[in-house]
């Protein structure tokens, strides 16, 4: 009976993180990439900043300096501004038979040259 139950759960169809974002410190004006790569991705990728969803399109219309990578869920921000500081998470939504997943949280800190 246990084998039959395991057989109905297709483990190979589970989506899971290969890379997740990590705490990052970057300079104002630079390009920063927060990594997020998902294996067996079936749902739609989205990023959150401080709990607020940024959108699901590669070009995030409400955030013109933010883009998601076509080949992964990596988030690029350029040029980086002090207002970009926050806690970021990568999420991949659910599909029928597939549970949603959420990455670890990553803090983004923005620094500037002294006197700027």
PDB file of N, CA and C in Angstrom:
ATOM      1  N   UNK A   1       0.836  -1.190   0.000  1.00  0.00           N
ATOM      2  CA  UNK A   1       0.000   0.000   0.000  1.00  0.00           C
ATOM      3  C   UNK A   1       0.873   1.244   0.000  1.00  0.00           C
ATOM      4  N   UNK A   2       1.945   1.250   0.767  1.00  0.00           N
ATOM      5  CA  UNK A   2       2.843   2.402   0.815  1.00  0.00           C
ATOM      6  C   UNK A   2       3.448   2.671  -0.553  1.00  0.00           C
ATOM      7  N   UNK A   3       3.872   1.626  -1.260  1.00  0.00           N
ATOM      8  CA  UNK A   3       4.454   1.813  -2.582  1.00  0.00           C
ATOM      9  C   UNK A   3       3.430   2.387  -3.554  1.00  0.00           C
ATOM     10  N   UNK A   4       2.193   1.955  -3.447  1.00  0.00           N
ATOM     11  CA  UNK A   4       1.146   2.466  -4.316  1.00  0.00           C
ATOM     12  C   UNK A   4       0.924   3.959  -4.058  1.00  0.00           C
ATOM     13  N   UNK A   5       0.934   4.364  -2.801  1.00  0.00           N
ATOM     14  CA  UNK A   5       0.759   5.775  -2.457  1.00  0.00           C
ATOM     15  C   UNK A   5       1.928   6.598  -2.997  1.00  0.00           C
ATOM     16  N   UNK A   6       3.145   6.087  -2.840  1.00  0.00           N
ATOM     17  CA  UNK A   6       4.307   6.803  -3.357  1.00  0.00           C
ATOM     18  C   UNK A   6       4.254   6.888  -4.875  1.00  0.00           C
ATOM     19  N   UNK A   7       3.753   5.878  -5.522  1.00  0.00           N
ATOM     20  CA  UNK A   7       3.674   5.864  -6.972  1.00  0.00           C
ATOM     21  C   UNK A   7       2.740   6.912  -7.535  1.00  0.00           C
ATOM     22  N   UNK A   8       1.734   7.323  -6.775  1.00  0.00           N
ATOM     23  CA  UNK A   8       0.797   8.327  -7.284  1.00  0.00           C
ATOM     24  C   UNK A   8       1.333   9.737  -7.108  1.00  0.00           C
ATOM     25  N   UNK A   9       2.338   9.910  -6.280  1.00  0.00           N
ATOM     26  CA  UNK A   9       2.965  11.225  -6.103  1.00  0.00           C
ATOM     27  C   UNK A   9       4.174  11.293  -7.023  1.00  0.00           C
ATOM     28  N   UNK A  10       4.050  11.963  -8.144  1.00  0.00           N
ATOM     29  CA  UNK A  10       5.152  12.025  -9.102  1.00  0.00           C
ATOM     30  C   UNK A  10       6.175  13.048  -8.621  1.00  0.00           C
ATOM     31  N   UNK A  11       7.151  12.579  -7.872  1.00  0.00           N
ATOM     32  CA  UNK A  11       8.154  13.464  -7.277  1.00  0.00           C
ATOM     33  C   UNK A  11       8.905  14.241  -8.350  1.00  0.00           C
ATOM     34  N   UNK A  12       9.096  13.664  -9.520  1.00  0.00           N
ATOM     35  CA  UNK A  12       9.854  14.348 -10.572  1.00  0.00           C
ATOM     36  C   UNK A  12       9.131  15.589 -11.081  1.00  0.00           C
ATOM     37  N   UNK A  13       7.834  15.738 -10.788  1.00  0.00           N
ATOM     38  CA  UNK A  13       7.106  16.908 -11.263  1.00  0.00           C
ATOM     39  C   UNK A  13       7.119  18.048 -10.252  1.00  0.00           C
ATOM     40  N   UNK A  14       7.706  17.829  -9.060  1.00  0.00           N
ATOM     41  CA  UNK A  14       7.761  18.890  -8.061  1.00  0.00           C
ATOM     42  C   UNK A  14       8.710  19.990  -8.512  1.00  0.00           C
ATOM     43  N   UNK A  15       8.284  21.234  -8.342  1.00  0.00           N
ATOM     44  CA  UNK A  15       9.189  22.346  -8.630  1.00  0.00           C
ATOM     45  C   UNK A  15       9.967  22.661  -7.350  1.00  0.00           C
ATOM     46  N   UNK A  16      11.254  22.983  -7.527  1.00  0.00           N
ATOM     47  CA  UNK A  16      12.093  23.267  -6.365  1.00  0.00           C
ATOM     48  C   UNK A  16      13.217  24.211  -6.782  1.00  0.00           C
ATOM     49  N   UNK A  17      13.784  24.897  -5.787  1.00  0.00           N
ATOM     50  CA  UNK A  17      14.833  25.881  -6.037  1.00  0.00           C
ATOM     51  C   UNK A  17      16.189  25.212  -6.228  1.00  0.00           C
ATOM     52  N   UNK A  18      16.879  25.612  -7.288  1.00  0.00           N
ATOM     53  CA  UNK A  18      18.277  25.245  -7.496  1.00  0.00           C
ATOM     54  C   UNK A  18      19.170  26.322  -6.893  1.00  0.00           C
ATOM     55  N   UNK A  19      18.796  27.579  -7.066  1.00  0.00           N
ATOM     56  CA  UNK A  19      19.485  28.708  -6.424  1.00  0.00           C
ATOM     57  C   UNK A  19      18.435  29.637  -5.845  1.00  0.00           C
ATOM     58  N   UNK A  20      18.784  30.277  -4.743  1.00  0.00           N
ATOM     59  CA  UNK A  20      17.883  31.210  -4.075  1.00  0.00           C
ATOM     60  C   UNK A  20      18.620  32.517  -3.823  1.00  0.00           C
ATOM     61  N   UNK A  21      17.871  33.595  -3.672  1.00  0.00           N
ATOM     62  CA  UNK A  21      18.528  34.877  -3.396  1.00  0.00           C
ATOM     63  C   UNK A  21      19.224  34.856  -2.034  1.00  0.00           C
ATOM     64  N   UNK A  22      20.292  35.631  -1.933  1.00  0.00           N
ATOM     65  CA  UNK A  22      21.042  35.749  -0.682  1.00  0.00           C
ATOM     66  C   UNK A  22      21.165  37.217  -0.322  1.00  0.00           C
ATOM     67  N   UNK A  23      21.440  37.502   0.944  1.00  0.00           N
ATOM     68  CA  UNK A  23      21.657  38.873   1.378  1.00  0.00           C
ATOM     69  C   UNK A  23      22.725  39.508   0.496  1.00  0.00           C
ATOM     70  N   UNK A  24      22.454  40.729   0.060  1.00  0.00           N
ATOM     71  CA  UNK A  24      23.338  41.400  -0.895  1.00  0.00           C
ATOM     72  C   UNK A  24      23.496  42.867  -0.507  1.00  0.00           C
ATOM     73  N   UNK A  25      24.715  43.362  -0.608  1.00  0.00           N
ATOM     74  CA  UNK A  25      24.993  44.786  -0.453  1.00  0.00           C
ATOM     75  C   UNK A  25      25.569  45.275  -1.773  1.00  0.00           C
ATOM     76  N   UNK A  26      25.012  46.361  -2.300  1.00  0.00           N
ATOM     77  CA  UNK A  26      25.469  46.878  -3.591  1.00  0.00           C
ATOM     78  C   UNK A  26      25.467  48.404  -3.567  1.00  0.00           C
ATOM     79  N   UNK A  27      26.235  48.979  -4.478  1.00  0.00           N
ATOM     80  CA  UNK A  27      26.431  50.419  -4.566  1.00  0.00           C
ATOM     81  C   UNK A  27      25.308  51.087  -5.371  1.00  0.00           C
ATOM     82  N   UNK A  28      24.900  52.258  -4.922  1.00  0.00           N
ATOM     83  CA  UNK A  28      23.939  53.069  -5.672  1.00  0.00           C
ATOM     84  C   UNK A  28      24.422  53.199  -7.117  1.00  0.00           C
ATOM     85  N   UNK A  29      23.503  53.042  -8.068  1.00  0.00           N
ATOM     86  CA  UNK A  29      23.835  53.200  -9.476  1.00  0.00           C
ATOM     87  C   UNK A  29      24.310  51.940 -10.162  1.00  0.00           C
ATOM     88  N   UNK A  30      24.594  50.899  -9.380  1.00  0.00           N
ATOM     89  CA  UNK A  30      25.090  49.652  -9.971  1.00  0.00           C
ATOM     90  C   UNK A  30      23.938  48.785 -10.466  1.00  0.00           C
ATOM     91  N   UNK A  31      24.304  47.690 -11.124  1.00  0.00           N
ATOM     92  CA  UNK A  31      23.352  46.660 -11.515  1.00  0.00           C
ATOM     93  C   UNK A  31      23.479  45.542 -10.496  1.00  0.00           C
ATOM     94  N   UNK A  32      22.364  45.114  -9.947  1.00  0.00           N
ATOM     95  CA  UNK A  32      22.380  43.996  -9.002  1.00  0.00           C
ATOM     96  C   UNK A  32      21.469  42.898  -9.544  1.00  0.00           C
ATOM     97  N   UNK A  33      21.911  41.656  -9.382  1.00  0.00           N
ATOM     98  CA  UNK A  33      21.110  40.501  -9.778  1.00  0.00           C
ATOM     99  C   UNK A  33      20.861  39.643  -8.553  1.00  0.00           C
ATOM    100  N   UNK A  34      19.593  39.411  -8.267  1.00  0.00           N
ATOM    101  CA  UNK A  34      19.216  38.489  -7.204  1.00  0.00           C
ATOM    102  C   UNK A  34      18.886  37.159  -7.867  1.00  0.00           C
ATOM    103  N   UNK A  35      19.677  36.116  -7.600  1.00  0.00           N
ATOM    104  CA  UNK A  35      19.485  34.848  -8.301  1.00  0.00           C
ATOM    105  C   UNK A  35      18.260  34.084  -7.817  1.00  0.00           C
ATOM    106  N   UNK A  36      17.652  33.356  -8.728  1.00  0.00           N
ATOM    107  CA  UNK A  36      16.556  32.454  -8.407  1.00  0.00           C
ATOM    108  C   UNK A  36      16.396  31.516  -9.593  1.00  0.00           C
ATOM    109  N   UNK A  37      16.782  30.270  -9.408  1.00  0.00           N
ATOM    110  CA  UNK A  37      16.630  29.283 -10.473  1.00  0.00           C
ATOM    111  C   UNK A  37      15.797  28.130  -9.933  1.00  0.00           C
ATOM    112  N   UNK A  38      14.800  27.732 -10.720  1.00  0.00           N
ATOM    113  CA  UNK A  38      13.842  26.720 -10.290  1.00  0.00           C
ATOM    114  C   UNK A  38      13.891  25.524 -11.232  1.00  0.00           C
ATOM    115  N   UNK A  39      13.994  24.331 -10.668  1.00  0.00           N
ATOM    116  CA  UNK A  39      13.941  23.100 -11.464  1.00  0.00           C
ATOM    117  C   UNK A  39      12.483  22.663 -11.594  1.00  0.00           C
ATOM    118  N   UNK A  40      12.155  22.092 -12.734  1.00  0.00           N
ATOM    119  CA  UNK A  40      10.796  21.608 -13.008  1.00  0.00           C
ATOM    120  C   UNK A  40       9.749  22.705 -12.835  1.00  0.00           C
ATOM    121  N   UNK A  41      10.115  23.954 -13.181  1.00  0.00           N
ATOM    122  CA  UNK A  41       9.202  25.073 -12.985  1.00  0.00           C
ATOM    123  C   UNK A  41       7.949  24.885 -13.831  1.00  0.00           C
ATOM    124  N   UNK A  42       6.808  24.940 -13.161  1.00  0.00           N
ATOM    125  CA  UNK A  42       5.537  24.810 -13.843  1.00  0.00           C
ATOM    126  C   UNK A  42       4.641  26.013 -13.595  1.00  0.00           C
ATOM    127  N   UNK A  43       4.797  26.646 -12.457  1.00  0.00           N
ATOM    128  CA  UNK A  43       4.012  27.832 -12.144  1.00  0.00           C
ATOM    129  C   UNK A  43       4.686  29.077 -12.691  1.00  0.00           C
ATOM    130  N   UNK A  44       4.080  30.215 -12.402  1.00  0.00           N
ATOM    131  CA  UNK A  44       4.588  31.511 -12.858  1.00  0.00           C
ATOM    132  C   UNK A  44       5.469  32.112 -11.768  1.00  0.00           C
ATOM    133  N   UNK A  45       6.598  32.669 -12.185  1.00  0.00           N
ATOM    134  CA  UNK A  45       7.554  33.270 -11.263  1.00  0.00           C
ATOM    135  C   UNK A  45       7.137  34.699 -10.912  1.00  0.00           C
ATOM    136  N   UNK A  46       7.354  35.073  -9.663  1.00  0.00           N
ATOM    137  CA  UNK A  46       7.099  36.430  -9.197  1.00  0.00           C
ATOM    138  C   UNK A  46       8.057  36.742  -8.060  1.00  0.00           C
ATOM    139  N   UNK A  47       8.437  38.003  -7.950  1.00  0.00           N
ATOM    140  CA  UNK A  47       9.241  38.479  -6.828  1.00  0.00           C
ATOM    141  C   UNK A  47       8.388  39.339  -5.919  1.00  0.00           C
ATOM    142  N   UNK A  48       8.743  39.336  -4.633  1.00  0.00           N
ATOM    143  CA  UNK A  48       8.139  40.271  -3.697  1.00  0.00           C
ATOM    144  C   UNK A  48       9.243  41.107  -3.066  1.00  0.00           C
ATOM    145  N   UNK A  49       8.888  42.348  -2.728  1.00  0.00           N
ATOM    146  CA  UNK A  49       9.779  43.211  -1.944  1.00  0.00           C
ATOM    147  C   UNK A  49       8.984  43.660  -0.733  1.00  0.00           C
ATOM    148  N   UNK A  50       9.479  43.354   0.436  1.00  0.00           N
ATOM    149  CA  UNK A  50       8.799  43.683   1.692  1.00  0.00           C
ATOM    150  C   UNK A  50       7.356  43.178   1.680  1.00  0.00           C
ATOM    151  N   UNK A  51       7.158  41.985   1.088  1.00  0.00           N
ATOM    152  CA  UNK A  51       5.855  41.343   1.079  1.00  0.00           C
ATOM    153  C   UNK A  51       4.920  41.767  -0.043  1.00  0.00           C
ATOM    154  N   UNK A  52       5.309  42.748  -0.843  1.00  0.00           N
ATOM    155  CA  UNK A  52       4.473  43.246  -1.933  1.00  0.00           C
ATOM    156  C   UNK A  52       4.891  42.598  -3.246  1.00  0.00           C
ATOM    157  N   UNK A  53       3.943  41.973  -3.956  1.00  0.00           N
ATOM    158  CA  UNK A  53       4.228  41.358  -5.243  1.00  0.00           C
ATOM    159  C   UNK A  53       4.613  42.397  -6.282  1.00  0.00           C
ATOM    160  N   UNK A  54       5.694  42.128  -7.024  1.00  0.00           N
ATOM    161  CA  UNK A  54       6.180  43.070  -8.031  1.00  0.00           C
ATOM    162  C   UNK A  54       5.593  42.818  -9.418  1.00  0.00           C
ATOM    163  N   UNK A  55       4.991  41.654  -9.637  1.00  0.00           N
ATOM    164  CA  UNK A  55       4.415  41.326 -10.940  1.00  0.00           C
ATOM    165  C   UNK A  55       4.997  40.052 -11.498  1.00  0.00           C
ATOM    166  N   UNK A  56       4.398  39.568 -12.592  1.00  0.00           N
ATOM    167  CA  UNK A  56       4.803  38.292 -13.161  1.00  0.00           C
ATOM    168  C   UNK A  56       5.389  38.413 -14.565  1.00  0.00           C
ATOM    169  N   UNK A  57       5.359  39.605 -15.159  1.00  0.00           N
ATOM    170  CA  UNK A  57       5.928  39.788 -16.494  1.00  0.00           C
ATOM    171  C   UNK A  57       7.441  39.969 -16.397  1.00  0.00           C
ATOM    172  N   UNK A  58       8.155  39.575 -17.469  1.00  0.00           N
ATOM    173  CA  UNK A  58       9.609  39.757 -17.481  1.00  0.00           C
ATOM    174  C   UNK A  58       9.977  41.225 -17.312  1.00  0.00           C
ATOM    175  N   UNK A  59       9.244  42.098 -18.004  1.00  0.00           N
ATOM    176  CA  UNK A  59       9.413  43.542 -17.829  1.00  0.00           C
ATOM    177  C   UNK A  59       8.349  43.980 -16.830  1.00  0.00           C
ATOM    178  N   UNK A  60       8.751  44.329 -15.631  1.00  0.00           N
ATOM    179  CA  UNK A  60       7.810  44.685 -14.574  1.00  0.00           C
ATOM    180  C   UNK A  60       7.384  46.143 -14.762  1.00  0.00           C
ATOM    181  N   UNK A  61       6.220  46.341 -15.366  1.00  0.00           N
ATOM    182  CA  UNK A  61       5.773  47.668 -15.803  1.00  0.00           C
ATOM    183  C   UNK A  61       5.779  48.709 -14.685  1.00  0.00           C
ATOM    184  N   UNK A  62       5.375  48.324 -13.500  1.00  0.00           N
ATOM    185  CA  UNK A  62       5.325  49.283 -12.390  1.00  0.00           C
ATOM    186  C   UNK A  62       6.719  49.591 -11.833  1.00  0.00           C
ATOM    187  N   UNK A  63       7.712  48.808 -12.248  1.00  0.00           N
ATOM    188  CA  UNK A  63       9.089  48.961 -11.769  1.00  0.00           C
ATOM    189  C   UNK A  63      10.023  48.916 -12.974  1.00  0.00           C
ATOM    190  N   UNK A  64      10.119  50.017 -13.724  1.00  0.00           N
ATOM    191  CA  UNK A  64      10.841  49.998 -14.999  1.00  0.00           C
ATOM    192  C   UNK A  64      12.334  49.663 -14.899  1.00  0.00           C
ATOM    193  N   UNK A  65      12.929  49.775 -13.721  1.00  0.00           N
ATOM    194  CA  UNK A  65      14.348  49.424 -13.560  1.00  0.00           C
ATOM    195  C   UNK A  65      14.537  47.958 -13.197  1.00  0.00           C
ATOM    196  N   UNK A  66      13.437  47.227 -13.021  1.00  0.00           N
ATOM    197  CA  UNK A  66      13.474  45.818 -12.620  1.00  0.00           C
ATOM    198  C   UNK A  66      13.115  44.942 -13.813  1.00  0.00           C
ATOM    199  N   UNK A  67      13.860  43.863 -14.011  1.00  0.00           N
ATOM    200  CA  UNK A  67      13.518  42.865 -15.030  1.00  0.00           C
ATOM    201  C   UNK A  67      13.808  41.471 -14.486  1.00  0.00           C
ATOM    202  N   UNK A  68      13.011  40.523 -14.948  1.00  0.00           N
ATOM    203  CA  UNK A  68      13.259  39.120 -14.610  1.00  0.00           C
ATOM    204  C   UNK A  68      13.922  38.457 -15.804  1.00  0.00           C
ATOM    205  N   UNK A  69      14.863  37.584 -15.522  1.00  0.00           N
ATOM    206  CA  UNK A  69      15.583  36.862 -16.563  1.00  0.00           C
ATOM    207  C   UNK A  69      14.648  35.920 -17.305  1.00  0.00           C
ATOM    208  N   UNK A  70      14.871  35.807 -18.609  1.00  0.00           N
ATOM    209  CA  UNK A  70      14.073  34.909 -19.426  1.00  0.00           C
ATOM    210  C   UNK A  70      14.393  33.445 -19.139  1.00  0.00           C
ATOM    211  N   UNK A  71      15.640  33.157 -18.787  1.00  0.00           N
ATOM    212  CA  UNK A  71      16.091  31.778 -18.594  1.00  0.00           C
ATOM    213  C   UNK A  71      15.945  31.276 -17.165  1.00  0.00           C
ATOM    214  N   UNK A  72      15.701  32.180 -16.247  1.00  0.00           N
ATOM    215  CA  UNK A  72      15.505  31.805 -14.847  1.00  0.00           C
ATOM    216  C   UNK A  72      14.602  32.865 -14.242  1.00  0.00           C
ATOM    217  N   UNK A  73      14.412  32.794 -12.970  1.00  0.00           N
ATOM    218  CA  UNK A  73      13.588  33.811 -12.298  1.00  0.00           C
ATOM    219  C   UNK A  73      14.446  34.916 -11.686  1.00  0.00           C
ATOM    220  N   UNK A  74      15.717  34.994 -12.053  1.00  0.00           N
ATOM    221  CA  UNK A  74      16.611  36.002 -11.476  1.00  0.00           C
ATOM    222  C   UNK A  74      16.033  37.405 -11.688  1.00  0.00           C
ATOM    223  N   UNK A  75      16.201  38.249 -10.694  1.00  0.00           N
ATOM    224  CA  UNK A  75      15.725  39.632 -10.754  1.00  0.00           C
ATOM    225  C   UNK A  75      16.924  40.560 -10.900  1.00  0.00           C
ATOM    226  N   UNK A  76      16.876  41.419 -11.926  1.00  0.00           N
ATOM    227  CA  UNK A  76      17.921  42.427 -12.120  1.00  0.00           C
ATOM    228  C   UNK A  76      17.339  43.800 -11.852  1.00  0.00           C
ATOM    229  N   UNK A  77      18.119  44.617 -11.152  1.00  0.00           N
ATOM    230  CA  UNK A  77      17.729  45.995 -10.841  1.00  0.00           C
ATOM    231  C   UNK A  77      18.857  46.901 -11.293  1.00  0.00           C
ATOM    232  N   UNK A  78      18.528  47.875 -12.152  1.00  0.00           N
ATOM    233  CA  UNK A  78      19.541  48.830 -12.625  1.00  0.00           C
ATOM    234  C   UNK A  78      18.861  50.083 -13.135  1.00  0.00           C
ATOM    235  N   UNK A  79      19.392  51.244 -12.800  1.00  0.00           N
ATOM    236  CA  UNK A  79      20.416  51.459 -11.775  1.00  0.00           C
ATOM    237  C   UNK A  79      19.799  51.326 -10.383  1.00  0.00           C
ATOM    238  N   UNK A  80      20.584  50.847  -9.462  1.00  0.00           N
ATOM    239  CA  UNK A  80      20.138  50.633  -8.089  1.00  0.00           C
ATOM    240  C   UNK A  80      19.976  51.972  -7.370  1.00  0.00           C
ATOM    241  N   UNK A  81      18.865  52.119  -6.665  1.00  0.00           N
ATOM    242  CA  UNK A  81      18.571  53.333  -5.895  1.00  0.00           C
ATOM    243  C   UNK A  81      18.413  52.988  -4.416  1.00  0.00           C
ATOM    244  N   UNK A  82      18.613  53.965  -3.529  1.00  0.00           N
ATOM    245  CA  UNK A  82      18.423  53.687  -2.100  1.00  0.00           C
ATOM    246  C   UNK A  82      17.029  53.141  -1.780  1.00  0.00           C
ATOM    247  N   UNK A  83      16.028  53.559  -2.532  1.00  0.00           N
ATOM    248  CA  UNK A  83      14.655  53.091  -2.285  1.00  0.00           C
ATOM    249  C   UNK A  83      14.458  51.611  -2.625  1.00  0.00           C
ATOM    250  N   UNK A  84      15.454  50.985  -3.259  1.00  0.00           N
ATOM    251  CA  UNK A  84      15.361  49.562  -3.600  1.00  0.00           C
ATOM    252  C   UNK A  84      15.705  48.660  -2.414  1.00  0.00           C
ATOM    253  N   UNK A  85      16.200  49.242  -1.328  1.00  0.00           N
ATOM    254  CA  UNK A  85      16.495  48.427  -0.151  1.00  0.00           C
ATOM    255  C   UNK A  85      15.230  47.720   0.320  1.00  0.00           C
ATOM    256  N   UNK A  86      15.398  46.503   0.795  1.00  0.00           N
ATOM    257  CA  UNK A  86      14.253  45.774   1.332  1.00  0.00           C
ATOM    258  C   UNK A  86      14.539  44.297   1.408  1.00  0.00           C
ATOM    259  N   UNK A  87      13.494  43.554   1.718  1.00  0.00           N
ATOM    260  CA  UNK A  87      13.566  42.107   1.820  1.00  0.00           C
ATOM    261  C   UNK A  87      12.873  41.516   0.597  1.00  0.00           C
ATOM    262  N   UNK A  88      13.615  40.733  -0.178  1.00  0.00           N
ATOM    263  CA  UNK A  88      13.126  40.170  -1.434  1.00  0.00           C
ATOM    264  C   UNK A  88      12.931  38.665  -1.295  1.00  0.00           C
ATOM    265  N   UNK A  89      11.912  38.167  -2.009  1.00  0.00           N
ATOM    266  CA  UNK A  89      11.673  36.725  -2.096  1.00  0.00           C
ATOM    267  C   UNK A  89      11.235  36.388  -3.511  1.00  0.00           C
ATOM    268  N   UNK A  90      11.674  35.235  -3.970  1.00  0.00           N
ATOM    269  CA  UNK A  90      11.265  34.679  -5.257  1.00  0.00           C
ATOM    270  C   UNK A  90      10.166  33.659  -4.979  1.00  0.00           C
ATOM    271  N   UNK A  91       9.099  33.719  -5.759  1.00  0.00           N
ATOM    272  CA  UNK A  91       7.989  32.790  -5.589  1.00  0.00           C
ATOM    273  C   UNK A  91       7.621  32.181  -6.931  1.00  0.00           C
ATOM    274  N   UNK A  92       7.186  30.943  -6.903  1.00  0.00           N
ATOM    275  CA  UNK A  92       6.659  30.296  -8.101  1.00  0.00           C
ATOM    276  C   UNK A  92       5.304  29.740  -7.729  1.00  0.00           C
ATOM    277  N   UNK A  93       4.299  30.137  -8.506  1.00  0.00           N
ATOM    278  CA  UNK A  93       2.920  29.804  -8.195  1.00  0.00           C
ATOM    279  C   UNK A  93       2.565  28.348  -8.403  1.00  0.00           C
ATOM    280  N   UNK A  94       1.373  28.017  -7.928  1.00  0.00           N
ATOM    281  CA  UNK A  94       0.836  26.665  -8.025  1.00  0.00           C
ATOM    282  C   UNK A  94       0.255  26.410  -9.409  1.00  0.00           C
ATOM    283  N   UNK A  95       0.212  25.156  -9.746  1.00  0.00           N
ATOM    284  CA  UNK A  95      -0.482  24.647 -10.930  1.00  0.00           C
ATOM    285  C   UNK A  95      -1.267  23.432 -10.453  1.00  0.00           C
ATOM    286  N   UNK A  96      -2.218  22.953 -11.227  1.00  0.00           N
ATOM    287  CA  UNK A  96      -2.941  21.758 -10.786  1.00  0.00           C
ATOM    288  C   UNK A  96      -1.968  20.616 -10.443  1.00  0.00           C
ATOM    289  N   UNK A  97      -2.036  20.159  -9.217  1.00  0.00           N
ATOM    290  CA  UNK A  97      -1.177  19.074  -8.763  1.00  0.00           C
ATOM    291  C   UNK A  97       0.222  19.494  -8.357  1.00  0.00           C
ATOM    292  N   UNK A  98       0.521  20.781  -8.415  1.00  0.00           N
ATOM    293  CA  UNK A  98       1.859  21.283  -8.074  1.00  0.00           C
ATOM    294  C   UNK A  98       1.717  22.404  -7.045  1.00  0.00           C
ATOM    295  N   UNK A  99       2.419  22.265  -5.924  1.00  0.00           N
ATOM    296  CA  UNK A  99       2.313  23.263  -4.862  1.00  0.00           C
ATOM    297  C   UNK A  99       3.195  24.477  -5.170  1.00  0.00           C
ATOM    298  N   UNK A 100       2.792  25.668  -4.704  1.00  0.00           N
ATOM    299  CA  UNK A 100       3.637  26.851  -4.881  1.00  0.00           C
ATOM    300  C   UNK A 100       4.861  26.757  -3.980  1.00  0.00           C
ATOM    301  N   UNK A 101       5.919  27.471  -4.348  1.00  0.00           N
ATOM    302  CA  UNK A 101       7.131  27.497  -3.532  1.00  0.00           C
ATOM    303  C   UNK A 101       7.580  28.943  -3.335  1.00  0.00           C
ATOM    304  N   UNK A 102       8.218  29.198  -2.202  1.00  0.00           N
ATOM    305  CA  UNK A 102       8.724  30.529  -1.859  1.00  0.00           C
ATOM    306  C   UNK A 102      10.159  30.382  -1.383  1.00  0.00           C
ATOM    307  N   UNK A 103      11.042  31.207  -1.924  1.00  0.00           N
ATOM    308  CA  UNK A 103      12.458  31.147  -1.553  1.00  0.00           C
ATOM    309  C   UNK A 103      12.678  31.691  -0.152  1.00  0.00           C
ATOM    310  N   UNK A 104      13.907  31.513   0.312  1.00  0.00           N
ATOM    311  CA  UNK A 104      14.327  32.177   1.537  1.00  0.00           C
ATOM    312  C   UNK A 104      14.306  33.681   1.287  1.00  0.00           C
ATOM    313  N   UNK A 105      14.163  34.446   2.338  1.00  0.00           N
ATOM    314  CA  UNK A 105      14.206  35.907   2.233  1.00  0.00           C
ATOM    315  C   UNK A 105      15.640  36.374   2.076  1.00  0.00           C
ATOM    316  N   UNK A 106      15.815  37.456   1.327  1.00  0.00           N
ATOM    317  CA  UNK A 106      17.150  38.041   1.142  1.00  0.00           C
ATOM    318  C   UNK A 106      17.053  39.550   1.322  1.00  0.00           C
ATOM    319  N   UNK A 107      17.910  40.080   2.165  1.00  0.00           N
ATOM    320  CA  UNK A 107      17.974  41.530   2.357  1.00  0.00           C
ATOM    321  C   UNK A 107      18.844  42.140   1.274  1.00  0.00           C
ATOM    322  N   UNK A 108      18.384  43.246   0.714  1.00  0.00           N
ATOM    323  CA  UNK A 108      19.189  44.043  -0.213  1.00  0.00           C
ATOM    324  C   UNK A 108      19.481  45.367   0.464  1.00  0.00           C
ATOM    325  N   UNK A 109      20.775  45.631   0.653  1.00  0.00           N
ATOM    326  CA  UNK A 109      21.213  46.885   1.243  1.00  0.00           C
ATOM    327  C   UNK A 109      21.908  47.699   0.168  1.00  0.00           C
ATOM    328  N   UNK A 110      21.617  48.988   0.134  1.00  0.00           N
ATOM    329  CA  UNK A 110      22.194  49.886  -0.866  1.00  0.00           C
ATOM    330  C   UNK A 110      23.127  50.860  -0.168  1.00  0.00           C
ATOM    331  N   UNK A 111      24.381  50.912  -0.639  1.00  0.00           N
ATOM    332  CA  UNK A 111      25.375  51.828  -0.061  1.00  0.00           C
ATOM    333  C   UNK A 111      25.744  52.903  -1.081  1.00  0.00           C
ATOM    334  N   UNK A 112      26.359  53.966  -0.589  1.00  0.00           N
ATOM    335  CA  UNK A 112      26.829  55.021  -1.496  1.00  0.00           C
ATOM    336  C   UNK A 112      28.204  55.478  -1.052  1.00  0.00           C
ATOM    337  N   UNK A 113      28.894  56.124  -1.963  1.00  0.00           N
ATOM    338  CA  UNK A 113      30.215  56.670  -1.626  1.00  0.00           C
ATOM    339  C   UNK A 113      30.050  57.723  -0.537  1.00  0.00           C
ATOM    340  N   UNK A 114      31.011  57.852   0.359  1.00  0.00           N
ATOM    341  CA  UNK A 114      30.925  58.890   1.390  1.00  0.00           C
ATOM    342  C   UNK A 114      30.733  60.269   0.739  1.00  0.00           C
ATOM    343  N   UNK A 115      29.818  61.032   1.316  1.00  0.00           N
ATOM    344  CA  UNK A 115      29.552  62.381   0.817  1.00  0.00           C
ATOM    345  C   UNK A 115      28.548  62.421  -0.323  1.00  0.00           C
ATOM    346  N   UNK A 116      27.989  61.304  -0.682  1.00  0.00           N
ATOM    347  CA  UNK A 116      27.013  61.304  -1.777  1.00  0.00           C
ATOM    348  C   UNK A 116      25.621  61.042  -1.276  1.00  0.00           C
TER     349      UNK A 116
END
